């Protein structure tokens, strides 16, 4: 009976809040992920939680020798998981269809990295003169980790109501991610941090 009343109280409390379910594509310092978020909103405050899947890049987004930035590459099932928390504070609520807000976003993941760390130059001699030298290059790919990624981001966003229930939203911001792990080839018991850009696009449904 006590459990029944506890469940009843939770359901009654949730009726006071607007509830949202959204599918969000994120681009963070670690890379990209697709996350399903559930959130509750009361007036101008919205709090959400989500679970998603990290996306392995088909190729590196740049030709720099970065070890962490946009280099997350899952090699085991656990590495694909992304945990997400966020808070949106809506401002200028006099707008009807467009709803701007400021946000804080927290993401947690555990994964390896994949990075091109240099180019090997090979020489092939097919004759006796310098003109007979042929050169070929080979890209060196290295995997590091796994690392625990802790990403904290701040920024601004905009939600647009498409219908009474469906909406889309975008977020743009900056953040800092911490990379914690034990990698003998880099450092042992290592913690690094980097600034990163943040972008998110969501398609959602409001209950």
C-alpha atoms as a PDB file:
ATOM      1  CA  UNK A   1       0.000   0.000   0.000  1.00  0.00           C
ATOM      2  CA  UNK A   2       2.852   2.381   0.853  1.00  0.00           C
ATOM      3  CA  UNK A   3       4.409   1.746  -2.563  1.00  0.00           C
ATOM      4  CA  UNK A   4       1.088   2.463  -4.255  1.00  0.00           C
ATOM      5  CA  UNK A   5       0.766   5.842  -2.553  1.00  0.00           C
ATOM      6  CA  UNK A   6       4.397   6.669  -3.370  1.00  0.00           C
ATOM      7  CA  UNK A   7       3.811   5.906  -7.061  1.00  0.00           C
ATOM      8  CA  UNK A   8       0.563   7.890  -6.993  1.00  0.00           C
ATOM      9  CA  UNK A   9       2.376  10.882  -5.478  1.00  0.00           C
ATOM     10  CA  UNK A  10       5.060  10.758  -8.195  1.00  0.00           C
ATOM     11  CA  UNK A  11       2.446  10.636 -10.958  1.00  0.00           C
ATOM     12  CA  UNK A  12       0.534  13.561  -9.475  1.00  0.00           C
ATOM     13  CA  UNK A  13       3.744  15.565  -9.174  1.00  0.00           C
ATOM     14  CA  UNK A  14       4.701  14.905 -12.789  1.00  0.00           C
ATOM     15  CA  UNK A  15       1.346  16.267 -13.949  1.00  0.00           C
ATOM     16  CA  UNK A  16       2.485  19.696 -12.756  1.00  0.00           C
ATOM     17  CA  UNK A  17       5.407  19.598 -15.204  1.00  0.00           C
ATOM     18  CA  UNK A  18       5.592  19.519 -18.972  1.00  0.00           C
ATOM     19  CA  UNK A  19       7.399  16.366 -20.138  1.00  0.00           C
ATOM     20  CA  UNK A  20       9.542  16.147 -23.266  1.00  0.00           C
ATOM     21  CA  UNK A  21      11.173  13.310 -25.186  1.00  0.00           C
ATOM     22  CA  UNK A  22      13.817  14.247 -27.751  1.00  0.00           C
ATOM     23  CA  UNK A  23      16.363  12.619 -30.051  1.00  0.00           C
ATOM     24  CA  UNK A  24      19.493  14.776 -30.124  1.00  0.00           C
ATOM     25  CA  UNK A  25      22.572  14.767 -32.335  1.00  0.00           C
ATOM     26  CA  UNK A  26      25.548  16.170 -30.409  1.00  0.00           C
ATOM     27  CA  UNK A  27      28.946  17.367 -31.568  1.00  0.00           C
ATOM     28  CA  UNK A  28      31.289  17.798 -28.598  1.00  0.00           C
ATOM     29  CA  UNK A  29      35.006  17.793 -27.933  1.00  0.00           C
ATOM     30  CA  UNK A  30      35.096  13.994 -27.942  1.00  0.00           C
ATOM     31  CA  UNK A  31      33.174  13.614 -31.205  1.00  0.00           C
ATOM     32  CA  UNK A  32      29.576  12.954 -32.216  1.00  0.00           C
ATOM     33  CA  UNK A  33      26.816  11.020 -30.485  1.00  0.00           C
ATOM     34  CA  UNK A  34      23.101  10.379 -30.878  1.00  0.00           C
ATOM     35  CA  UNK A  35      21.227  10.531 -27.561  1.00  0.00           C
ATOM     36  CA  UNK A  36      17.630  10.016 -26.442  1.00  0.00           C
ATOM     37  CA  UNK A  37      16.737  12.557 -23.739  1.00  0.00           C
ATOM     38  CA  UNK A  38      13.815  12.794 -21.331  1.00  0.00           C
ATOM     39  CA  UNK A  39      13.157  16.122 -19.637  1.00  0.00           C
ATOM     40  CA  UNK A  40      10.661  17.833 -17.361  1.00  0.00           C
ATOM     41  CA  UNK A  41       9.857  21.527 -17.561  1.00  0.00           C
ATOM     42  CA  UNK A  42       8.095  23.928 -15.245  1.00  0.00           C
ATOM     43  CA  UNK A  43       7.693  27.494 -16.436  1.00  0.00           C
ATOM     44  CA  UNK A  44      11.157  28.668 -17.552  1.00  0.00           C
ATOM     45  CA  UNK A  45      13.231  25.783 -16.118  1.00  0.00           C
ATOM     46  CA  UNK A  46      13.931  22.474 -17.859  1.00  0.00           C
ATOM     47  CA  UNK A  47      16.008  19.559 -16.557  1.00  0.00           C
ATOM     48  CA  UNK A  48      16.838  16.499 -18.668  1.00  0.00           C
ATOM     49  CA  UNK A  49      18.616  13.173 -18.598  1.00  0.00           C
ATOM     50  CA  UNK A  50      19.570  10.909 -21.471  1.00  0.00           C
ATOM     51  CA  UNK A  51      21.399   7.860 -22.739  1.00  0.00           C
ATOM     52  CA  UNK A  52      22.913   7.625 -26.183  1.00  0.00           C
ATOM     53  CA  UNK A  53      25.391   6.083 -28.598  1.00  0.00           C
ATOM     54  CA  UNK A  54      28.780   7.496 -29.565  1.00  0.00           C
ATOM     55  CA  UNK A  55      29.439   7.555 -33.315  1.00  0.00           C
ATOM     56  CA  UNK A  56      32.790   6.382 -34.662  1.00  0.00           C
ATOM     57  CA  UNK A  57      34.093   8.810 -37.313  1.00  0.00           C
ATOM     58  CA  UNK A  58      34.728   7.427 -40.794  1.00  0.00           C
ATOM     59  CA  UNK A  59      37.773   9.697 -41.012  1.00  0.00           C
ATOM     60  CA  UNK A  60      39.512  12.283 -38.889  1.00  0.00           C
ATOM     61  CA  UNK A  61      37.911  15.757 -38.986  1.00  0.00           C
ATOM     62  CA  UNK A  62      41.347  17.424 -39.405  1.00  0.00           C
ATOM     63  CA  UNK A  63      44.962  16.609 -40.236  1.00  0.00           C
ATOM     64  CA  UNK A  64      46.359  17.609 -36.837  1.00  0.00           C
ATOM     65  CA  UNK A  65      48.061  15.115 -34.535  1.00  0.00           C
ATOM     66  CA  UNK A  66      45.452  15.460 -31.776  1.00  0.00           C
ATOM     67  CA  UNK A  67      45.132  12.600 -29.328  1.00  0.00           C
ATOM     68  CA  UNK A  68      41.743  13.531 -27.817  1.00  0.00           C
ATOM     69  CA  UNK A  69      39.946  16.332 -29.695  1.00  0.00           C
ATOM     70  CA  UNK A  70      37.264  14.719 -31.911  1.00  0.00           C
ATOM     71  CA  UNK A  71      39.182  11.425 -31.627  1.00  0.00           C
ATOM     72  CA  UNK A  72      36.832   9.247 -29.560  1.00  0.00           C
ATOM     73  CA  UNK A  73      36.636   5.842 -31.247  1.00  0.00           C
ATOM     74  CA  UNK A  74      34.717   3.002 -29.605  1.00  0.00           C
ATOM     75  CA  UNK A  75      36.265  -0.473 -29.798  1.00  0.00           C
ATOM     76  CA  UNK A  76      34.004  -2.275 -27.264  1.00  0.00           C
ATOM     77  CA  UNK A  77      30.227  -2.131 -26.587  1.00  0.00           C
ATOM     78  CA  UNK A  78      30.757  -0.120 -23.371  1.00  0.00           C
ATOM     79  CA  UNK A  79      32.657   2.535 -25.311  1.00  0.00           C
ATOM     80  CA  UNK A  80      29.568   3.400 -27.356  1.00  0.00           C
ATOM     81  CA  UNK A  81      27.514   4.532 -24.328  1.00  0.00           C
ATOM     82  CA  UNK A  82      26.993   8.241 -23.670  1.00  0.00           C
ATOM     83  CA  UNK A  83      25.360   9.550 -20.477  1.00  0.00           C
ATOM     84  CA  UNK A  84      23.845  13.041 -20.615  1.00  0.00           C
ATOM     85  CA  UNK A  85      22.440  15.597 -18.149  1.00  0.00           C
ATOM     86  CA  UNK A  86      21.337  19.112 -19.078  1.00  0.00           C
ATOM     87  CA  UNK A  87      19.615  22.195 -17.724  1.00  0.00           C
ATOM     88  CA  UNK A  88      17.887  24.857 -19.857  1.00  0.00           C
ATOM     89  CA  UNK A  89      16.870  28.265 -18.536  1.00  0.00           C
ATOM     90  CA  UNK A  90      14.375  29.911 -20.890  1.00  0.00           C
ATOM     91  CA  UNK A  91      14.474  33.690 -21.342  1.00  0.00           C
ATOM     92  CA  UNK A  92      12.193  36.187 -23.080  1.00  0.00           C
ATOM     93  CA  UNK A  93       9.185  33.876 -22.660  1.00  0.00           C
ATOM     94  CA  UNK A  94       6.914  36.442 -24.332  1.00  0.00           C
ATOM     95  CA  UNK A  95       7.694  34.821 -27.677  1.00  0.00           C
ATOM     96  CA  UNK A  96       5.065  32.285 -28.707  1.00  0.00           C
ATOM     97  CA  UNK A  97       6.681  29.959 -31.230  1.00  0.00           C
ATOM     98  CA  UNK A  98      10.382  30.687 -30.638  1.00  0.00           C
ATOM     99  CA  UNK A  99      11.823  30.099 -27.173  1.00  0.00           C
ATOM    100  CA  UNK A 100      15.460  31.164 -26.568  1.00  0.00           C
ATOM    101  CA  UNK A 101      17.366  29.774 -23.603  1.00  0.00           C
ATOM    102  CA  UNK A 102      20.783  29.440 -21.985  1.00  0.00           C
ATOM    103  CA  UNK A 103      21.971  25.956 -21.071  1.00  0.00           C
ATOM    104  CA  UNK A 104      24.427  23.791 -19.171  1.00  0.00           C
ATOM    105  CA  UNK A 105      25.234  20.336 -20.566  1.00  0.00           C
ATOM    106  CA  UNK A 106      27.111  17.467 -18.887  1.00  0.00           C
ATOM    107  CA  UNK A 107      28.226  14.325 -20.726  1.00  0.00           C
ATOM    108  CA  UNK A 108      30.077  11.254 -19.491  1.00  0.00           C
ATOM    109  CA  UNK A 109      31.602   8.468 -21.586  1.00  0.00           C
ATOM    110  CA  UNK A 110      34.360   5.838 -21.396  1.00  0.00           C
ATOM    111  CA  UNK A 111      36.170   5.016 -24.596  1.00  0.00           C
ATOM    112  CA  UNK A 112      39.420   4.677 -26.501  1.00  0.00           C
ATOM    113  CA  UNK A 113      40.761   7.166 -29.033  1.00  0.00           C
ATOM    114  CA  UNK A 114      41.980   6.653 -32.591  1.00  0.00           C
ATOM    115  CA  UNK A 115      44.461   9.093 -34.094  1.00  0.00           C
ATOM    116  CA  UNK A 116      46.884   9.518 -36.968  1.00  0.00           C
ATOM    117  CA  UNK A 117      50.200  10.242 -35.241  1.00  0.00           C
ATOM    118  CA  UNK A 118      52.475  10.686 -38.251  1.00  0.00           C
ATOM    119  CA  UNK A 119      53.475   9.546 -41.702  1.00  0.00           C
ATOM    120  CA  UNK A 120      56.127   6.976 -42.544  1.00  0.00           C
ATOM    121  CA  UNK A 121      58.166   7.666 -45.679  1.00  0.00           C
ATOM    122  CA  UNK A 122      59.375   4.636 -47.593  1.00  0.00           C
ATOM    123  CA  UNK A 123      61.915   4.724 -50.414  1.00  0.00           C
ATOM    124  CA  UNK A 124      61.870   2.314 -53.319  1.00  0.00           C
ATOM    125  CA  UNK A 125      65.000   2.165 -55.491  1.00  0.00           C
ATOM    126  CA  UNK A 126      64.405   0.865 -59.004  1.00  0.00           C
ATOM    127  CA  UNK A 127      67.641   2.087 -60.604  1.00  0.00           C
ATOM    128  CA  UNK A 128      71.065   3.569 -59.987  1.00  0.00           C
ATOM    129  CA  UNK A 129      70.370   7.315 -60.460  1.00  0.00           C
ATOM    130  CA  UNK A 130      68.448   9.779 -58.219  1.00  0.00           C
ATOM    131  CA  UNK A 131      65.725   9.949 -60.856  1.00  0.00           C
ATOM    132  CA  UNK A 132      65.035   6.278 -60.220  1.00  0.00           C
ATOM    133  CA  UNK A 133      63.998   6.836 -56.587  1.00  0.00           C
ATOM    134  CA  UNK A 134      60.304   6.364 -55.784  1.00  0.00           C
ATOM    135  CA  UNK A 135      58.750   7.428 -52.507  1.00  0.00           C
ATOM    136  CA  UNK A 136      55.614   6.136 -50.821  1.00  0.00           C
ATOM    137  CA  UNK A 137      53.927   7.226 -47.600  1.00  0.00           C
ATOM    138  CA  UNK A 138      52.049   5.252 -44.960  1.00  0.00           C
ATOM    139  CA  UNK A 139      49.754   6.751 -42.335  1.00  0.00           C
ATOM    140  CA  UNK A 140      50.399   5.574 -38.757  1.00  0.00           C
ATOM    141  CA  UNK A 141      47.173   4.952 -36.821  1.00  0.00           C
ATOM    142  CA  UNK A 142      47.354   4.533 -33.041  1.00  0.00           C
ATOM    143  CA  UNK A 143      44.721   3.616 -30.439  1.00  0.00           C
ATOM    144  CA  UNK A 144      45.043   5.064 -26.918  1.00  0.00           C
ATOM    145  CA  UNK A 145      43.107   4.473 -23.729  1.00  0.00           C
ATOM    146  CA  UNK A 146      40.391   3.800 -22.797  1.00  0.00           C
ATOM    147  CA  UNK A 147      39.747   7.099 -21.021  1.00  0.00           C
ATOM    148  CA  UNK A 148      36.941   8.518 -18.929  1.00  0.00           C
ATOM    149  CA  UNK A 149      35.599  11.636 -20.667  1.00  0.00           C
ATOM    150  CA  UNK A 150      33.897  14.313 -18.522  1.00  0.00           C
ATOM    151  CA  UNK A 151      32.447  17.085 -20.690  1.00  0.00           C
ATOM    152  CA  UNK A 152      30.965  20.339 -19.365  1.00  0.00           C
ATOM    153  CA  UNK A 153      29.458  22.842 -21.808  1.00  0.00           C
ATOM    154  CA  UNK A 154      27.669  26.219 -21.624  1.00  0.00           C
ATOM    155  CA  UNK A 155      25.911  28.184 -24.323  1.00  0.00           C
ATOM    156  CA  UNK A 156      22.724  29.515 -25.860  1.00  0.00           C
ATOM    157  CA  UNK A 157      19.914  27.749 -27.669  1.00  0.00           C
ATOM    158  CA  UNK A 158      16.592  28.143 -29.411  1.00  0.00           C
ATOM    159  CA  UNK A 159      13.512  25.931 -29.383  1.00  0.00           C
ATOM    160  CA  UNK A 160      10.840  26.235 -32.069  1.00  0.00           C
ATOM    161  CA  UNK A 161       7.398  24.664 -31.685  1.00  0.00           C
ATOM    162  CA  UNK A 162       6.411  23.080 -34.994  1.00  0.00           C
ATOM    163  CA  UNK A 163       3.000  21.851 -33.751  1.00  0.00           C
ATOM    164  CA  UNK A 164       1.287  21.653 -30.377  1.00  0.00           C
ATOM    165  CA  UNK A 165       3.435  18.615 -29.532  1.00  0.00           C
ATOM    166  CA  UNK A 166       6.439  18.472 -31.870  1.00  0.00           C
ATOM    167  CA  UNK A 167       9.405  20.849 -31.629  1.00  0.00           C
ATOM    168  CA  UNK A 168      12.975  21.273 -32.826  1.00  0.00           C
ATOM    169  CA  UNK A 169      15.840  22.884 -30.955  1.00  0.00           C
ATOM    170  CA  UNK A 170      19.448  23.887 -31.498  1.00  0.00           C
ATOM    171  CA  UNK A 171      22.275  24.607 -29.051  1.00  0.00           C
ATOM    172  CA  UNK A 172      25.606  26.320 -29.626  1.00  0.00           C
ATOM    173  CA  UNK A 173      28.307  26.769 -27.012  1.00  0.00           C
ATOM    174  CA  UNK A 174      31.787  26.099 -25.674  1.00  0.00           C
ATOM    175  CA  UNK A 175      33.074  23.832 -22.948  1.00  0.00           C
ATOM    176  CA  UNK A 176      35.885  21.999 -21.225  1.00  0.00           C
ATOM    177  CA  UNK A 177      36.382  18.258 -21.196  1.00  0.00           C
ATOM    178  CA  UNK A 178      38.521  16.270 -18.788  1.00  0.00           C
ATOM    179  CA  UNK A 179      40.192  13.061 -19.996  1.00  0.00           C
ATOM    180  CA  UNK A 180      41.144  10.700 -17.194  1.00  0.00           C
ATOM    181  CA  UNK A 181      42.977   7.409 -17.700  1.00  0.00           C
ATOM    182  CA  UNK A 182      46.100   5.269 -17.499  1.00  0.00           C
ATOM    183  CA  UNK A 183      48.047   5.191 -20.758  1.00  0.00           C
ATOM    184  CA  UNK A 184      51.737   4.148 -20.408  1.00  0.00           C
ATOM    185  CA  UNK A 185      52.597   5.456 -23.868  1.00  0.00           C
ATOM    186  CA  UNK A 186      51.460   8.943 -22.850  1.00  0.00           C
ATOM    187  CA  UNK A 187      51.479   9.264 -19.081  1.00  0.00           C
ATOM    188  CA  UNK A 188      50.508   7.017 -16.203  1.00  0.00           C
ATOM    189  CA  UNK A 189      47.533   8.015 -14.035  1.00  0.00           C
ATOM    190  CA  UNK A 190      46.977  10.845 -16.472  1.00  0.00           C
ATOM    191  CA  UNK A 191      44.447  13.677 -16.471  1.00  0.00           C
ATOM    192  CA  UNK A 192      44.240  16.126 -19.369  1.00  0.00           C
ATOM    193  CA  UNK A 193      41.825  18.919 -20.216  1.00  0.00           C
ATOM    194  CA  UNK A 194      40.949  20.810 -23.384  1.00  0.00           C
ATOM    195  CA  UNK A 195      38.541  23.517 -24.507  1.00  0.00           C
ATOM    196  CA  UNK A 196      36.035  22.423 -27.119  1.00  0.00           C
ATOM    197  CA  UNK A 197      33.131  23.650 -29.233  1.00  0.00           C
ATOM    198  CA  UNK A 198      29.610  22.323 -28.706  1.00  0.00           C
ATOM    199  CA  UNK A 199      26.629  21.924 -31.044  1.00  0.00           C
ATOM    200  CA  UNK A 200      23.358  20.037 -30.709  1.00  0.00           C
ATOM    201  CA  UNK A 201      20.243  19.587 -32.841  1.00  0.00           C
ATOM    202  CA  UNK A 202      17.139  17.894 -31.431  1.00  0.00           C
ATOM    203  CA  UNK A 203      13.770  16.696 -32.657  1.00  0.00           C
ATOM    204  CA  UNK A 204      11.346  16.351 -29.757  1.00  0.00           C
ATOM    205  CA  UNK A 205       7.822  15.518 -28.628  1.00  0.00           C
ATOM    206  CA  UNK A 206       6.046  17.277 -25.745  1.00  0.00           C
ATOM    207  CA  UNK A 207       3.502  15.299 -23.692  1.00  0.00           C
END
